[in-house]
Amino acid sequence: ATLEWKTRGLDAAGLATTVGTSTMTLGGLLK
């Protein structure tokens, strides 16, 4: 449920956001 909350309501740009040099995204986390 925490993952659902953290990804809730985001569009493609939001799910593709990265932090620093990491390539990790919220969309990648879901998949």
All heavy atoms as atom14 arrays in JSON, in Angstrom:
{
  "sequence": "ATLEWKTRGLDAAGLATTVGTSTMTLGGLLK",
  "atom14_mask": [
    [1, 1, 1, 1, 1, 0, 0, 0, 0, 0, 0, 0, 0, 0],
    [1, 1, 1, 1, 1, 1, 1, 0, 0, 0, 0, 0, 0, 0],
    [1, 1, 1, 1, 1, 1, 1, 1, 0, 0, 0, 0, 0, 0],
    [1, 1, 1, 1, 1, 1, 1, 1, 1, 0, 0, 0, 0, 0],
    [1, 1, 1, 1, 1, 1, 1, 1, 1, 1, 1, 1, 1, 1],
    [1, 1, 1, 1, 1, 1, 1, 1, 1, 0, 0, 0, 0, 0],
    [1, 1, 1, 1, 1, 1, 1, 0, 0, 0, 0, 0, 0, 0],
    [1, 1, 1, 1, 1, 1, 1, 1, 1, 1, 1, 0, 0, 0],
    [1, 1, 1, 1, 0, 0, 0, 0, 0, 0, 0, 0, 0, 0],
    [1, 1, 1, 1, 1, 1, 1, 1, 0, 0, 0, 0, 0, 0],
    [1, 1, 1, 1, 1, 1, 1, 1, 0, 0, 0, 0, 0, 0],
    [1, 1, 1, 1, 1, 0, 0, 0, 0, 0, 0, 0, 0, 0],
    [1, 1, 1, 1, 1, 0, 0, 0, 0, 0, 0, 0, 0, 0],
    [1, 1, 1, 1, 0, 0, 0, 0, 0, 0, 0, 0, 0, 0],
    [1, 1, 1, 1, 1, 1, 1, 1, 0, 0, 0, 0, 0, 0],
    [1, 1, 1, 1, 1, 0, 0, 0, 0, 0, 0, 0, 0, 0],
    [1, 1, 1, 1, 1, 1, 1, 0, 0, 0, 0, 0, 0, 0],
    [1, 1, 1, 1, 1, 1, 1, 0, 0, 0, 0, 0, 0, 0],
    [1, 1, 1, 1, 1, 1, 1, 0, 0, 0, 0, 0, 0, 0],
    [1, 1, 1, 1, 0, 0, 0, 0, 0, 0, 0, 0, 0, 0],
    [1, 1, 1, 1, 1, 1, 1, 0, 0, 0, 0, 0, 0, 0],
    [1, 1, 1, 1, 1, 1, 0, 0, 0, 0, 0, 0, 0, 0],
    [1, 1, 1, 1, 1, 1, 1, 0, 0, 0, 0, 0, 0, 0],
    [1, 1, 1, 1, 1, 1, 1, 1, 0, 0, 0, 0, 0, 0],
    [1, 1, 1, 1, 1, 1, 1, 0, 0, 0, 0, 0, 0, 0],
    [1, 1, 1, 1, 1, 1, 1, 1, 0, 0, 0, 0, 0, 0],
    [1, 1, 1, 1, 0, 0, 0, 0, 0, 0, 0, 0, 0, 0],
    [1, 1, 1, 1, 0, 0, 0, 0, 0, 0, 0, 0, 0, 0],
    [1, 1, 1, 1, 1, 1, 1, 1, 0, 0, 0, 0, 0, 0],
    [1, 1, 1, 1, 1, 1, 1, 1, 0, 0, 0, 0, 0, 0],
    [1, 1, 1, 1, 1, 1, 1, 1, 1, 0, 0, 0, 0, 0]
  ],
  "atom14_positions": [
    [[0.82, -1.21, 0.0], [0.0, 0.0, 0.0], [0.86, 1.26, 0.0], [0.46, 2.3, -0.54], [-0.94, -0.01, 1.21], [0.0, 0.0, 0.0], [0.0, 0.0, 0.0], [0.0, 0.0, 0.0], [0.0, 0.0, 0.0], [0.0, 0.0, 0.0], [0.0, 0.0, 0.0], [0.0, 0.0, 0.0], [0.0, 0.0, 0.0], [0.0, 0.0, 0.0]],
    [[2.04, 1.18, 0.6], [2.94, 2.33, 0.58], [3.42, 2.62, -0.84], [3.47, 3.78, -1.26], [4.15, 2.08, 1.5], [3.69, 1.91, 2.85], [5.13, 3.25, 1.45], [0.0, 0.0, 0.0], [0.0, 0.0, 0.0], [0.0, 0.0, 0.0], [0.0, 0.0, 0.0], [0.0, 0.0, 0.0], [0.0, 0.0, 0.0], [0.0, 0.0, 0.0]],
    [[3.76, 1.58, -1.59], [4.16, 1.79, -2.99], [3.02, 2.39, -3.79], [3.23, 3.3, -4.61], [4.61, 0.48, -3.62], [5.07, 0.61, -5.07], [6.37, 1.4, -5.17], [5.22, -0.76, -5.73], [0.0, 0.0, 0.0], [0.0, 0.0, 0.0], [0.0, 0.0, 0.0], [0.0, 0.0, 0.0], [0.0, 0.0, 0.0], [0.0, 0.0, 0.0]],
    [[1.8, 1.9, -3.56], [0.64, 2.47, -4.27], [0.51, 3.95, -3.96], [0.24, 4.76, -4.86], [-0.62, 1.71, -3.87], [-1.87, 2.11, -4.65], [-2.51, 3.4, -4.15], [-2.47, 3.66, -2.93], [-3.04, 4.17, -5.0], [0.0, 0.0, 0.0], [0.0, 0.0, 0.0], [0.0, 0.0, 0.0], [0.0, 0.0, 0.0], [0.0, 0.0, 0.0]],
    [[0.7, 4.33, -2.69], [0.6, 5.73, -2.29], [1.68, 6.57, -2.96], [1.4, 7.66, -3.48], [0.7, 5.81, -0.76], [0.95, 7.18, -0.2], [0.41, 8.35, -0.63], [1.8, 7.5, 0.9], [0.87, 9.4, 0.15], [1.72, 8.9, 1.08], [2.61, 6.75, 1.74], [2.44, 9.56, 2.08], [3.3, 7.4, 2.74], [3.22, 8.79, 2.9]],
    [[2.9, 6.07, -2.96], [4.02, 6.84, -3.5], [3.93, 7.02, -5.01], [4.54, 7.94, -5.57], [5.35, 6.17, -3.13], [5.66, 6.21, -1.64], [5.83, 7.64, -1.14], [6.13, 7.68, 0.34], [6.36, 9.06, 0.83], [0.0, 0.0, 0.0], [0.0, 0.0, 0.0], [0.0, 0.0, 0.0], [0.0, 0.0, 0.0], [0.0, 0.0, 0.0]],
    [[3.19, 6.18, -5.7], [3.04, 6.31, -7.16], [1.67, 6.84, -7.56], [1.39, 7.01, -8.75], [3.27, 4.95, -7.84], [2.34, 3.98, -7.32], [4.68, 4.44, -7.59], [0.0, 0.0, 0.0], [0.0, 0.0, 0.0], [0.0, 0.0, 0.0], [0.0, 0.0, 0.0], [0.0, 0.0, 0.0], [0.0, 0.0, 0.0], [0.0, 0.0, 0.0]],
    [[0.83, 7.13, -6.58], [-0.56, 7.51, -6.83], [-0.65, 8.85, -7.57], [-0.01, 9.83, -7.21], [-1.3, 7.6, -5.51], [-2.81, 7.81, -5.6], [-3.4, 7.95, -4.2], [-3.12, 6.78, -3.37], [-3.19, 6.79, -2.04], [-3.48, 7.9, -1.37], [-2.93, 5.67, -1.36], [0.0, 0.0, 0.0], [0.0, 0.0, 0.0], [0.0, 0.0, 0.0]],
    [[-1.47, 8.87, -8.63], [-1.79, 10.12, -9.3], [-0.73, 10.67, -10.23], [-0.91, 11.77, -10.77], [0.0, 0.0, 0.0], [0.0, 0.0, 0.0], [0.0, 0.0, 0.0], [0.0, 0.0, 0.0], [0.0, 0.0, 0.0], [0.0, 0.0, 0.0], [0.0, 0.0, 0.0], [0.0, 0.0, 0.0], [0.0, 0.0, 0.0], [0.0, 0.0, 0.0]],
    [[0.37, 9.97, -10.44], [1.45, 10.5, -11.26], [1.26, 10.19, -12.74], [0.79, 9.1, -13.1], [2.8, 9.94, -10.79], [3.26, 10.35, -9.4], [4.61, 9.73, -9.09], [3.31, 11.87, -9.26], [0.0, 0.0, 0.0], [0.0, 0.0, 0.0], [0.0, 0.0, 0.0], [0.0, 0.0, 0.0], [0.0, 0.0, 0.0], [0.0, 0.0, 0.0]],
    [[1.65, 11.14, -13.58], [1.63, 10.92, -15.02], [2.95, 10.31, -15.46], [3.81, 9.96, -14.64], [1.34, 12.23, -15.76], [2.39, 13.31, -15.46], [3.45, 13.0, -14.88], [2.13, 14.47, -15.83], [0.0, 0.0, 0.0], [0.0, 0.0, 0.0], [0.0, 0.0, 0.0], [0.0, 0.0, 0.0], [0.0, 0.0, 0.0], [0.0, 0.0, 0.0]],
    [[3.12, 10.18, -16.78], [4.33, 9.53, -17.3], [5.59, 10.27, -16.89], [6.61, 9.65, -16.55], [4.24, 9.43, -18.83], [0.0, 0.0, 0.0], [0.0, 0.0, 0.0], [0.0, 0.0, 0.0], [0.0, 0.0, 0.0], [0.0, 0.0, 0.0], [0.0, 0.0, 0.0], [0.0, 0.0, 0.0], [0.0, 0.0, 0.0], [0.0, 0.0, 0.0]],
    [[5.53, 11.59, -16.9], [6.71, 12.37, -16.51], [7.06, 12.13, -15.05], [8.24, 11.99, -14.69], [6.46, 13.86, -16.76], [0.0, 0.0, 0.0], [0.0, 0.0, 0.0], [0.0, 0.0, 0.0], [0.0, 0.0, 0.0], [0.0, 0.0, 0.0], [0.0, 0.0, 0.0], [0.0, 0.0, 0.0], [0.0, 0.0, 0.0], [0.0, 0.0, 0.0]],
    [[6.05, 12.09, -14.19], [6.31, 11.84, -12.78], [6.9, 10.47, -12.54], [7.84, 10.31, -11.75], [0.0, 0.0, 0.0], [0.0, 0.0, 0.0], [0.0, 0.0, 0.0], [0.0, 0.0, 0.0], [0.0, 0.0, 0.0], [0.0, 0.0, 0.0], [0.0, 0.0, 0.0], [0.0, 0.0, 0.0], [0.0, 0.0, 0.0], [0.0, 0.0, 0.0]],
    [[6.37, 9.46, -13.23], [6.88, 8.1, -13.05], [8.26, 7.91, -13.65], [8.94, 6.92, -13.36], [5.9, 7.09, -13.67], [4.56, 6.93, -12.95], [3.67, 5.94, -13.71], [4.74, 6.46, -11.51], [0.0, 0.0, 0.0], [0.0, 0.0, 0.0], [0.0, 0.0, 0.0], [0.0, 0.0, 0.0], [0.0, 0.0, 0.0], [0.0, 0.0, 0.0]],
    [[8.69, 8.85, -14.51], [10.01, 8.76, -15.14], [11.06, 9.64, -14.47], [12.21, 9.68, -14.9], [9.9, 9.13, -16.62], [0.0, 0.0, 0.0], [0.0, 0.0, 0.0], [0.0, 0.0, 0.0], [0.0, 0.0, 0.0], [0.0, 0.0, 0.0], [0.0, 0.0, 0.0], [0.0, 0.0, 0.0], [0.0, 0.0, 0.0], [0.0, 0.0, 0.0]],
    [[10.68, 10.34, -13.4], [11.62, 11.24, -12.71], [12.75, 10.44, -12.07], [12.54, 9.36, -11.51], [10.87, 12.04, -11.64], [9.92, 12.89, -12.27], [11.84, 12.89, -10.82], [0.0, 0.0, 0.0], [0.0, 0.0, 0.0], [0.0, 0.0, 0.0], [0.0, 0.0, 0.0], [0.0, 0.0, 0.0], [0.0, 0.0, 0.0], [0.0, 0.0, 0.0]],
    [[13.97, 10.98, -12.15], [15.13, 10.36, -11.52], [15.72, 11.31, -10.48], [15.39, 12.5, -10.45], [16.21, 10.0, -12.55], [16.62, 11.19, -13.23], [15.68, 8.98, -13.56], [0.0, 0.0, 0.0], [0.0, 0.0, 0.0], [0.0, 0.0, 0.0], [0.0, 0.0, 0.0], [0.0, 0.0, 0.0], [0.0, 0.0, 0.0], [0.0, 0.0, 0.0]],
    [[16.61, 10.79, -9.65], [17.28, 11.59, -8.62], [18.79, 11.42, -8.79], [19.28, 10.27, -8.8], [16.85, 11.16, -7.21], [17.68, 11.89, -6.16], [15.37, 11.42, -6.99], [0.0, 0.0, 0.0], [0.0, 0.0, 0.0], [0.0, 0.0, 0.0], [0.0, 0.0, 0.0], [0.0, 0.0, 0.0], [0.0, 0.0, 0.0], [0.0, 0.0, 0.0]],
    [[19.5, 12.53, -8.9], [20.95, 12.47, -8.99], [21.41, 11.68, -10.21], [20.86, 11.79, -11.3], [0.0, 0.0, 0.0], [0.0, 0.0, 0.0], [0.0, 0.0, 0.0], [0.0, 0.0, 0.0], [0.0, 0.0, 0.0], [0.0, 0.0, 0.0], [0.0, 0.0, 0.0], [0.0, 0.0, 0.0], [0.0, 0.0, 0.0], [0.0, 0.0, 0.0]],
    [[22.42, 10.83, -10.01], [22.96, 10.03, -11.12], [22.25, 8.7, -11.28], [22.53, 7.95, -12.21], [24.46, 9.75, -10.89], [24.62, 9.04, -9.65], [25.25, 11.05, -10.83], [0.0, 0.0, 0.0], [0.0, 0.0, 0.0], [0.0, 0.0, 0.0], [0.0, 0.0, 0.0], [0.0, 0.0, 0.0], [0.0, 0.0, 0.0], [0.0, 0.0, 0.0]],
    [[21.31, 8.39, -10.38], [20.58, 7.12, -10.46], [19.61, 7.12, -11.63], [19.01, 8.15, -11.96], [19.81, 6.88, -9.16], [18.99, 5.73, -9.27], [0.0, 0.0, 0.0], [0.0, 0.0, 0.0], [0.0, 0.0, 0.0], [0.0, 0.0, 0.0], [0.0, 0.0, 0.0], [0.0, 0.0, 0.0], [0.0, 0.0, 0.0], [0.0, 0.0, 0.0]],
    [[19.42, 5.96, -12.26], [18.43, 5.81, -13.33], [17.12, 5.24, -12.81], [16.19, 5.02, -13.57], [18.97, 4.89, -14.44], [19.26, 3.59, -13.87], [20.24, 5.46, -15.06], [0.0, 0.0, 0.0], [0.0, 0.0, 0.0], [0.0, 0.0, 0.0], [0.0, 0.0, 0.0], [0.0, 0.0, 0.0], [0.0, 0.0, 0.0], [0.0, 0.0, 0.0]],
    [[17.03, 5.02, -11.5], [15.83, 4.44, -10.91], [14.66, 5.4, -11.02], [14.8, 6.61, -10.83], [16.09, 4.1, -9.45], [14.98, 3.33, -8.76], [15.42, 2.92, -7.05], [16.78, 1.79, -7.31], [0.0, 0.0, 0.0], [0.0, 0.0, 0.0], [0.0, 0.0, 0.0], [0.0, 0.0, 0.0], [0.0, 0.0, 0.0], [0.0, 0.0, 0.0]],
    [[13.47, 4.87, -11.34], [12.24, 5.67, -11.44], [11.12, 4.97, -10.7], [11.18, 3.76, -10.43], [11.82, 5.85, -12.91], [11.46, 4.56, -13.45], [12.94, 6.48, -13.74], [0.0, 0.0, 0.0], [0.0, 0.0, 0.0], [0.0, 0.0, 0.0], [0.0, 0.0, 0.0], [0.0, 0.0, 0.0], [0.0, 0.0, 0.0], [0.0, 0.0, 0.0]],
    [[10.06, 5.71, -10.41], [8.89, 5.1, -9.79], [8.2, 4.14, -10.75], [7.66, 3.1, -10.33], [7.92, 6.2, -9.33], [8.37, 6.97, -8.09], [7.51, 8.21, -7.88], [8.34, 6.09, -6.85], [0.0, 0.0, 0.0], [0.0, 0.0, 0.0], [0.0, 0.0, 0.0], [0.0, 0.0, 0.0], [0.0, 0.0, 0.0], [0.0, 0.0, 0.0]],
    [[8.19, 4.47, -12.04], [7.64, 3.54, -13.02], [8.44, 2.24, -13.05], [7.87, 1.15, -13.12], [0.0, 0.0, 0.0], [0.0, 0.0, 0.0], [0.0, 0.0, 0.0], [0.0, 0.0, 0.0], [0.0, 0.0, 0.0], [0.0, 0.0, 0.0], [0.0, 0.0, 0.0], [0.0, 0.0, 0.0], [0.0, 0.0, 0.0], [0.0, 0.0, 0.0]],
    [[9.77, 2.37, -12.98], [10.6, 1.19, -12.93], [10.35, 0.37, -11.67], [10.36, -0.87, -11.72], [0.0, 0.0, 0.0], [0.0, 0.0, 0.0], [0.0, 0.0, 0.0], [0.0, 0.0, 0.0], [0.0, 0.0, 0.0], [0.0, 0.0, 0.0], [0.0, 0.0, 0.0], [0.0, 0.0, 0.0], [0.0, 0.0, 0.0], [0.0, 0.0, 0.0]],
    [[10.12, 1.05, -10.56], [9.79, 0.33, -9.32], [8.52, -0.49, -9.47], [8.45, -1.64, -9.03], [9.64, 1.33, -8.17], [10.91, 1.77, -7.45], [10.59, 2.87, -6.45], [11.58, 0.6, -6.75], [0.0, 0.0, 0.0], [0.0, 0.0, 0.0], [0.0, 0.0, 0.0], [0.0, 0.0, 0.0], [0.0, 0.0, 0.0], [0.0, 0.0, 0.0]],
    [[7.49, 0.1, -10.07], [6.23, -0.63, -10.26], [6.45, -1.88, -11.11], [5.95, -2.97, -10.78], [5.19, 0.27, -10.93], [4.48, 1.29, -10.04], [3.67, 2.25, -10.89], [3.57, 0.59, -9.03], [0.0, 0.0, 0.0], [0.0, 0.0, 0.0], [0.0, 0.0, 0.0], [0.0, 0.0, 0.0], [0.0, 0.0, 0.0], [0.0, 0.0, 0.0]],
    [[7.19, -1.73, -12.21], [7.38, -2.88, -13.1], [8.3, -3.91, -12.46], [8.06, -5.12, -12.56], [7.95, -2.42, -14.43], [7.83, -3.48, -15.53], [8.0, -2.87, -16.91], [7.68, -3.86, -18.01], [7.75, -3.22, -19.36], [0.0, 0.0, 0.0], [0.0, 0.0, 0.0], [0.0, 0.0, 0.0], [0.0, 0.0, 0.0], [0.0, 0.0, 0.0]]
  ]
}
